[in-house]
Amino acid sequence: VDASNRTICTDNRFFRHLGGIGNIGWD
């Protein structure tokens, strides 16, 4: 979620990620 407003992230399933800063990266 980069430079993005009013994002709603709900009721999802997240499993392993292989890079980046985290499973979900938020800036």
PDB file of all heavy atoms in Angstrom:
ATOM      1  N   VAL A   1       0.891  -1.168   0.000  1.00  0.00           N
ATOM      2  CA  VAL A   1       0.000   0.000   0.000  1.00  0.00           C
ATOM      3  C   VAL A   1       0.924   1.212   0.000  1.00  0.00           C
ATOM      4  O   VAL A   1       1.419   1.625   1.048  1.00  0.00           O
ATOM      5  CB  VAL A   1      -0.924  -0.003   1.236  1.00  0.00           C
ATOM      6  CG1 VAL A   1      -1.858   1.206   1.202  1.00  0.00           C
ATOM      7  CG2 VAL A   1      -1.731  -1.283   1.308  1.00  0.00           C
ATOM      8  N   ASP A   2       1.220   1.776  -1.156  1.00  0.00           N
ATOM      9  CA  ASP A   2       2.174   2.866  -1.298  1.00  0.00           C
ATOM     10  C   ASP A   2       1.466   4.137  -1.750  1.00  0.00           C
ATOM     11  O   ASP A   2       0.819   4.147  -2.813  1.00  0.00           O
ATOM     12  CB  ASP A   2       3.248   2.519  -2.329  1.00  0.00           C
ATOM     13  CG  ASP A   2       4.235   1.469  -1.829  1.00  0.00           C
ATOM     14  OD1 ASP A   2       4.258   1.245  -0.615  1.00  0.00           O
ATOM     15  OD2 ASP A   2       4.958   0.902  -2.654  1.00  0.00           O
ATOM     16  N   ALA A   3       1.600   5.213  -0.964  1.00  0.00           N
ATOM     17  CA  ALA A   3       1.039   6.525  -1.319  1.00  0.00           C
ATOM     18  C   ALA A   3      -0.413   6.384  -1.776  1.00  0.00           C
ATOM     19  O   ALA A   3      -0.839   6.962  -2.769  1.00  0.00           O
ATOM     20  CB  ALA A   3       1.879   7.183  -2.412  1.00  0.00           C
ATOM     21  N   SER A   4      -1.176   5.606  -1.032  1.00  0.00           N
ATOM     22  CA  SER A   4      -2.547   5.274  -1.426  1.00  0.00           C
ATOM     23  C   SER A   4      -3.470   5.465  -0.233  1.00  0.00           C
ATOM     24  O   SER A   4      -3.250   4.889   0.828  1.00  0.00           O
ATOM     25  CB  SER A   4      -2.615   3.833  -1.932  1.00  0.00           C
ATOM     26  OG  SER A   4      -1.811   3.666  -3.084  1.00  0.00           O
ATOM     27  N   ASN A   5      -4.503   6.269  -0.416  1.00  0.00           N
ATOM     28  CA  ASN A   5      -5.379   6.656   0.686  1.00  0.00           C
ATOM     29  C   ASN A   5      -6.695   5.884   0.667  1.00  0.00           C
ATOM     30  O   ASN A   5      -7.141   5.412  -0.364  1.00  0.00           O
ATOM     31  CB  ASN A   5      -5.663   8.154   0.612  1.00  0.00           C
ATOM     32  CG  ASN A   5      -4.391   8.972   0.599  1.00  0.00           C
ATOM     33  OD1 ASN A   5      -3.374   8.576   1.179  1.00  0.00           O
ATOM     34  ND2 ASN A   5      -4.415  10.112  -0.072  1.00  0.00           N
ATOM     35  N   ARG A   6      -7.293   5.771   1.837  1.00  0.00           N
ATOM     36  CA  ARG A   6      -8.600   5.141   2.030  1.00  0.00           C
ATOM     37  C   ARG A   6      -8.614   3.690   1.530  1.00  0.00           C
ATOM     38  O   ARG A   6      -9.608   3.215   1.000  1.00  0.00           O
ATOM     39  CB  ARG A   6      -9.709   5.961   1.353  1.00  0.00           C
ATOM     40  CG  ARG A   6      -9.769   7.406   1.789  1.00  0.00           C
ATOM     41  CD  ARG A   6     -11.025   8.109   1.294  1.00  0.00           C
ATOM     42  NE  ARG A   6     -11.300   7.886  -0.112  1.00  0.00           N
ATOM     43  CZ  ARG A   6     -10.723   8.564  -1.108  1.00  0.00           C
ATOM     44  NH1 ARG A   6      -9.840   9.509  -0.845  1.00  0.00           N
ATOM     45  NH2 ARG A   6     -11.034   8.303  -2.355  1.00  0.00           N
ATOM     46  N   THR A   7      -7.524   2.989   1.708  1.00  0.00           N
ATOM     47  CA  THR A   7      -7.466   1.570   1.371  1.00  0.00           C
ATOM     48  C   THR A   7      -8.130   0.758   2.476  1.00  0.00           C
ATOM     49  O   THR A   7      -7.863   0.967   3.653  1.00  0.00           O
ATOM     50  CB  THR A   7      -6.014   1.097   1.203  1.00  0.00           C
ATOM     51  OG1 THR A   7      -5.410   1.818   0.120  1.00  0.00           O
ATOM     52  CG2 THR A   7      -5.942  -0.389   0.924  1.00  0.00           C
ATOM     53  N   ILE A   8      -8.988  -0.171   2.096  1.00  0.00           N
ATOM     54  CA  ILE A   8      -9.599  -1.102   3.030  1.00  0.00           C
ATOM     55  C   ILE A   8      -9.153  -2.506   2.642  1.00  0.00           C
ATOM     56  O   ILE A   8      -9.446  -2.984   1.547  1.00  0.00           O
ATOM     57  CB  ILE A   8     -11.135  -1.006   3.018  1.00  0.00           C
ATOM     58  CG1 ILE A   8     -11.587   0.384   3.466  1.00  0.00           C
ATOM     59  CG2 ILE A   8     -11.749  -2.084   3.913  1.00  0.00           C
ATOM     60  CD1 ILE A   8     -13.074   0.612   3.353  1.00  0.00           C
ATOM     61  N   CYS A   9      -8.418  -3.160   3.540  1.00  0.00           N
ATOM     62  CA  CYS A   9      -7.916  -4.514   3.318  1.00  0.00           C
ATOM     63  C   CYS A   9      -8.495  -5.402   4.407  1.00  0.00           C
ATOM     64  O   CYS A   9      -8.108  -5.294   5.574  1.00  0.00           O
ATOM     65  CB  CYS A   9      -6.389  -4.501   3.350  1.00  0.00           C
ATOM     66  SG  CYS A   9      -5.630  -6.135   3.298  1.00  0.00           S
ATOM     67  N   THR A  10      -9.411  -6.281   4.051  1.00  0.00           N
ATOM     68  CA  THR A  10     -10.136  -7.034   5.082  1.00  0.00           C
ATOM     69  C   THR A  10     -10.457  -8.452   4.609  1.00  0.00           C
ATOM     70  O   THR A  10     -10.687  -8.702   3.417  1.00  0.00           O
ATOM     71  CB  THR A  10     -11.442  -6.295   5.455  1.00  0.00           C
ATOM     72  OG1 THR A  10     -12.121  -7.001   6.476  1.00  0.00           O
ATOM     73  CG2 THR A  10     -12.362  -6.134   4.270  1.00  0.00           C
ATOM     74  N   ASP A  11     -10.425  -9.398   5.545  1.00  0.00           N
ATOM     75  CA  ASP A  11     -10.858 -10.781   5.320  1.00  0.00           C
ATOM     76  C   ASP A  11     -10.048 -11.500   4.246  1.00  0.00           C
ATOM     77  O   ASP A  11     -10.578 -12.343   3.505  1.00  0.00           O
ATOM     78  CB  ASP A  11     -12.355 -10.820   4.968  1.00  0.00           C
ATOM     79  CG  ASP A  11     -13.231 -10.402   6.131  1.00  0.00           C
ATOM     80  OD1 ASP A  11     -13.046 -10.941   7.228  1.00  0.00           O
ATOM     81  OD2 ASP A  11     -14.087  -9.514   5.949  1.00  0.00           O
ATOM     82  N   ASN A  12      -8.753 -11.187   4.153  1.00  0.00           N
ATOM     83  CA  ASN A  12      -7.863 -11.877   3.223  1.00  0.00           C
ATOM     84  C   ASN A  12      -7.016 -12.910   3.956  1.00  0.00           C
ATOM     85  O   ASN A  12      -6.864 -12.860   5.177  1.00  0.00           O
ATOM     86  CB  ASN A  12      -6.938 -10.871   2.536  1.00  0.00           C
ATOM     87  CG  ASN A  12      -7.701  -9.829   1.758  1.00  0.00           C
ATOM     88  OD1 ASN A  12      -8.193 -10.087   0.673  1.00  0.00           O
ATOM     89  ND2 ASN A  12      -7.802  -8.624   2.319  1.00  0.00           N
ATOM     90  N   ARG A  13      -6.431 -13.843   3.191  1.00  0.00           N
ATOM     91  CA  ARG A  13      -5.496 -14.821   3.725  1.00  0.00           C
ATOM     92  C   ARG A  13      -4.128 -14.583   3.090  1.00  0.00           C
ATOM     93  O   ARG A  13      -3.989 -14.586   1.860  1.00  0.00           O
ATOM     94  CB  ARG A  13      -5.966 -16.239   3.422  1.00  0.00           C
ATOM     95  CG  ARG A  13      -7.239 -16.642   4.168  1.00  0.00           C
ATOM     96  CD  ARG A  13      -7.808 -17.920   3.613  1.00  0.00           C
ATOM     97  NE  ARG A  13      -8.260 -17.735   2.237  1.00  0.00           N
ATOM     98  CZ  ARG A  13      -8.350 -18.713   1.326  1.00  0.00           C
ATOM     99  NH1 ARG A  13      -8.013 -19.951   1.654  1.00  0.00           N
ATOM    100  NH2 ARG A  13      -8.783 -18.465   0.110  1.00  0.00           N
ATOM    101  N   PHE A  14      -3.133 -14.357   3.936  1.00  0.00           N
ATOM    102  CA  PHE A  14      -1.766 -14.119   3.478  1.00  0.00           C
ATOM    103  C   PHE A  14      -0.874 -15.228   4.022  1.00  0.00           C
ATOM    104  O   PHE A  14      -0.832 -15.457   5.231  1.00  0.00           O
ATOM    105  CB  PHE A  14      -1.253 -12.777   4.006  1.00  0.00           C
ATOM    106  CG  PHE A  14      -1.981 -11.572   3.470  1.00  0.00           C
ATOM    107  CD1 PHE A  14      -3.106 -11.082   4.117  1.00  0.00           C
ATOM    108  CD2 PHE A  14      -1.529 -10.919   2.333  1.00  0.00           C
ATOM    109  CE1 PHE A  14      -3.776  -9.963   3.646  1.00  0.00           C
ATOM    110  CE2 PHE A  14      -2.187  -9.803   1.846  1.00  0.00           C
ATOM    111  CZ  PHE A  14      -3.313  -9.321   2.501  1.00  0.00           C
ATOM    112  N   PHE A  15      -0.142 -15.878   3.126  1.00  0.00           N
ATOM    113  CA  PHE A  15       0.811 -16.895   3.542  1.00  0.00           C
ATOM    114  C   PHE A  15       2.223 -16.386   3.248  1.00  0.00           C
ATOM    115  O   PHE A  15       2.432 -15.187   3.133  1.00  0.00           O
ATOM    116  CB  PHE A  15       0.475 -18.224   2.870  1.00  0.00           C
ATOM    117  CG  PHE A  15      -0.887 -18.730   3.276  1.00  0.00           C
ATOM    118  CD1 PHE A  15      -2.002 -18.526   2.462  1.00  0.00           C
ATOM    119  CD2 PHE A  15      -1.070 -19.364   4.498  1.00  0.00           C
ATOM    120  CE1 PHE A  15      -3.262 -18.958   2.851  1.00  0.00           C
ATOM    121  CE2 PHE A  15      -2.337 -19.798   4.899  1.00  0.00           C
ATOM    122  CZ  PHE A  15      -3.436 -19.588   4.065  1.00  0.00           C
ATOM    123  N   ARG A  16       3.215 -17.236   3.189  1.00  0.00           N
ATOM    124  CA  ARG A  16       4.601 -16.771   3.155  1.00  0.00           C
ATOM    125  C   ARG A  16       4.870 -15.795   2.009  1.00  0.00           C
ATOM    126  O   ARG A  16       4.243 -15.871   0.949  1.00  0.00           O
ATOM    127  CB  ARG A  16       5.557 -17.948   3.068  1.00  0.00           C
ATOM    128  CG  ARG A  16       5.505 -18.680   1.728  1.00  0.00           C
ATOM    129  CD  ARG A  16       6.515 -19.811   1.696  1.00  0.00           C
ATOM    130  NE  ARG A  16       6.226 -20.812   2.712  1.00  0.00           N
ATOM    131  CZ  ARG A  16       7.060 -21.783   3.042  1.00  0.00           C
ATOM    132  NH1 ARG A  16       8.238 -21.876   2.461  1.00  0.00           N
ATOM    133  NH2 ARG A  16       6.723 -22.683   3.948  1.00  0.00           N
ATOM    134  N   HIS A  17       5.779 -14.855   2.247  1.00  0.00           N
ATOM    135  CA  HIS A  17       6.281 -13.942   1.213  1.00  0.00           C
ATOM    136  C   HIS A  17       7.784 -14.152   1.124  1.00  0.00           C
ATOM    137  O   HIS A  17       8.432 -14.559   2.089  1.00  0.00           O
ATOM    138  CB  HIS A  17       5.969 -12.485   1.571  1.00  0.00           C
ATOM    139  CG  HIS A  17       6.772 -11.985   2.731  1.00  0.00           C
ATOM    140  ND1 HIS A  17       7.869 -11.165   2.583  1.00  0.00           N
ATOM    141  CD2 HIS A  17       6.668 -12.217   4.060  1.00  0.00           C
ATOM    142  CE1 HIS A  17       8.386 -10.900   3.775  1.00  0.00           C
ATOM    143  NE2 HIS A  17       7.666 -11.529   4.689  1.00  0.00           N
ATOM    144  N   LEU A  18       8.377 -13.841  -0.041  1.00  0.00           N
ATOM    145  CA  LEU A  18       9.771 -14.198  -0.279  1.00  0.00           C
ATOM    146  C   LEU A  18      10.716 -13.005  -0.252  1.00  0.00           C
ATOM    147  O   LEU A  18      11.932 -13.174  -0.359  1.00  0.00           O
ATOM    148  CB  LEU A  18       9.897 -14.930  -1.633  1.00  0.00           C
ATOM    149  CG  LEU A  18       8.952 -16.123  -1.818  1.00  0.00           C
ATOM    150  CD1 LEU A  18       9.226 -16.816  -3.142  1.00  0.00           C
ATOM    151  CD2 LEU A  18       9.058 -17.111  -0.661  1.00  0.00           C
ATOM    152  N   GLY A  19      10.211 -11.780  -0.132  1.00  0.00           N
ATOM    153  CA  GLY A  19      11.075 -10.600  -0.133  1.00  0.00           C
ATOM    154  C   GLY A  19      10.310  -9.384   0.341  1.00  0.00           C
ATOM    155  O   GLY A  19       9.299  -9.496   1.030  1.00  0.00           O
ATOM    156  N   GLY A  20      10.756  -8.204  -0.055  1.00  0.00           N
ATOM    157  CA  GLY A  20      10.129  -6.964   0.381  1.00  0.00           C
ATOM    158  C   GLY A  20      10.417  -6.681   1.842  1.00  0.00           C
ATOM    159  O   GLY A  20      11.348  -7.230   2.433  1.00  0.00           O
ATOM    160  N   ILE A  21       9.599  -5.823   2.478  1.00  0.00           N
ATOM    161  CA  ILE A  21       9.826  -5.466   3.883  1.00  0.00           C
ATOM    162  C   ILE A  21       8.940  -6.260   4.842  1.00  0.00           C
ATOM    163  O   ILE A  21       9.124  -6.188   6.055  1.00  0.00           O
ATOM    164  CB  ILE A  21       9.610  -3.962   4.112  1.00  0.00           C
ATOM    165  CG1 ILE A  21       8.173  -3.542   3.780  1.00  0.00           C
ATOM    166  CG2 ILE A  21      10.621  -3.154   3.317  1.00  0.00           C
ATOM    167  CD1 ILE A  21       7.861  -2.104   4.148  1.00  0.00           C
ATOM    168  N   GLY A  22       7.984  -7.009   4.293  1.00  0.00           N
ATOM    169  CA  GLY A  22       7.102  -7.801   5.129  1.00  0.00           C
ATOM    170  C   GLY A  22       6.042  -8.467   4.290  1.00  0.00           C
ATOM    171  O   GLY A  22       5.969  -8.274   3.070  1.00  0.00           O
ATOM    172  N   ASN A  23       5.210  -9.282   4.920  1.00  0.00           N
ATOM    173  CA  ASN A  23       4.100  -9.893   4.187  1.00  0.00           C
ATOM    174  C   ASN A  23       3.213  -8.811   3.588  1.00  0.00           C
ATOM    175  O   ASN A  23       2.793  -8.898   2.437  1.00  0.00           O
ATOM    176  CB  ASN A  23       3.299 -10.790   5.136  1.00  0.00           C
ATOM    177  CG  ASN A  23       2.636 -11.931   4.432  1.00  0.00           C
ATOM    178  OD1 ASN A  23       2.076 -11.759   3.362  1.00  0.00           O
ATOM    179  ND2 ASN A  23       2.664 -13.112   5.044  1.00  0.00           N
ATOM    180  N   ILE A  24       2.917  -7.781   4.389  1.00  0.00           N
ATOM    181  CA  ILE A  24       2.246  -6.582   3.906  1.00  0.00           C
ATOM    182  C   ILE A  24       3.191  -5.411   4.135  1.00  0.00           C
ATOM    183  O   ILE A  24       3.673  -5.193   5.243  1.00  0.00           O
ATOM    184  CB  ILE A  24       0.918  -6.339   4.637  1.00  0.00           C
ATOM    185  CG1 ILE A  24      -0.057  -7.496   4.384  1.00  0.00           C
ATOM    186  CG2 ILE A  24       0.292  -5.018   4.213  1.00  0.00           C
ATOM    187  CD1 ILE A  24      -1.348  -7.404   5.180  1.00  0.00           C
ATOM    188  N   GLY A  25       3.485  -4.643   3.093  1.00  0.00           N
ATOM    189  CA  GLY A  25       4.300  -3.441   3.196  1.00  0.00           C
ATOM    190  C   GLY A  25       3.438  -2.213   2.983  1.00  0.00           C
ATOM    191  O   GLY A  25       2.651  -2.166   2.039  1.00  0.00           O
ATOM    192  N   TRP A  26       3.595  -1.227   3.865  1.00  0.00           N
ATOM    193  CA  TRP A  26       2.614  -0.135   3.916  1.00  0.00           C
ATOM    194  C   TRP A  26       3.362   1.181   4.080  1.00  0.00           C
ATOM    195  O   TRP A  26       4.013   1.425   5.088  1.00  0.00           O
ATOM    196  CB  TRP A  26       1.705  -0.385   5.118  1.00  0.00           C
ATOM    197  CG  TRP A  26       0.472   0.444   5.206  1.00  0.00           C
ATOM    198  CD1 TRP A  26       0.076   1.446   4.375  1.00  0.00           C
ATOM    199  CD2 TRP A  26      -0.558   0.318   6.194  1.00  0.00           C
ATOM    200  NE1 TRP A  26      -1.124   1.958   4.778  1.00  0.00           N
ATOM    201  CE2 TRP A  26      -1.537   1.286   5.899  1.00  0.00           C
ATOM    202  CE3 TRP A  26      -0.740  -0.504   7.302  1.00  0.00           C
ATOM    203  CZ2 TRP A  26      -2.679   1.447   6.667  1.00  0.00           C
ATOM    204  CZ3 TRP A  26      -1.875  -0.343   8.064  1.00  0.00           C
ATOM    205  CH2 TRP A  26      -2.839   0.611   7.758  1.00  0.00           C
ATOM    206  N   ASP A  27       3.287   2.076   3.084  1.00  0.00           N
ATOM    207  CA  ASP A  27       3.960   3.370   3.122  1.00  0.00           C
ATOM    208  C   ASP A  27       3.006   4.482   2.704  1.00  0.00           C
ATOM    209  O   ASP A  27       2.227   4.316   1.757  1.00  0.00           O
ATOM    210  CB  ASP A  27       5.154   3.404   2.162  1.00  0.00           C
ATOM    211  CG  ASP A  27       6.243   2.416   2.536  1.00  0.00           C
ATOM    212  OD1 ASP A  27       6.328   2.061   3.707  1.00  0.00           O
ATOM    213  OD2 ASP A  27       7.009   2.020   1.638  1.00  0.00           O
TER     214      ASP A  27
END
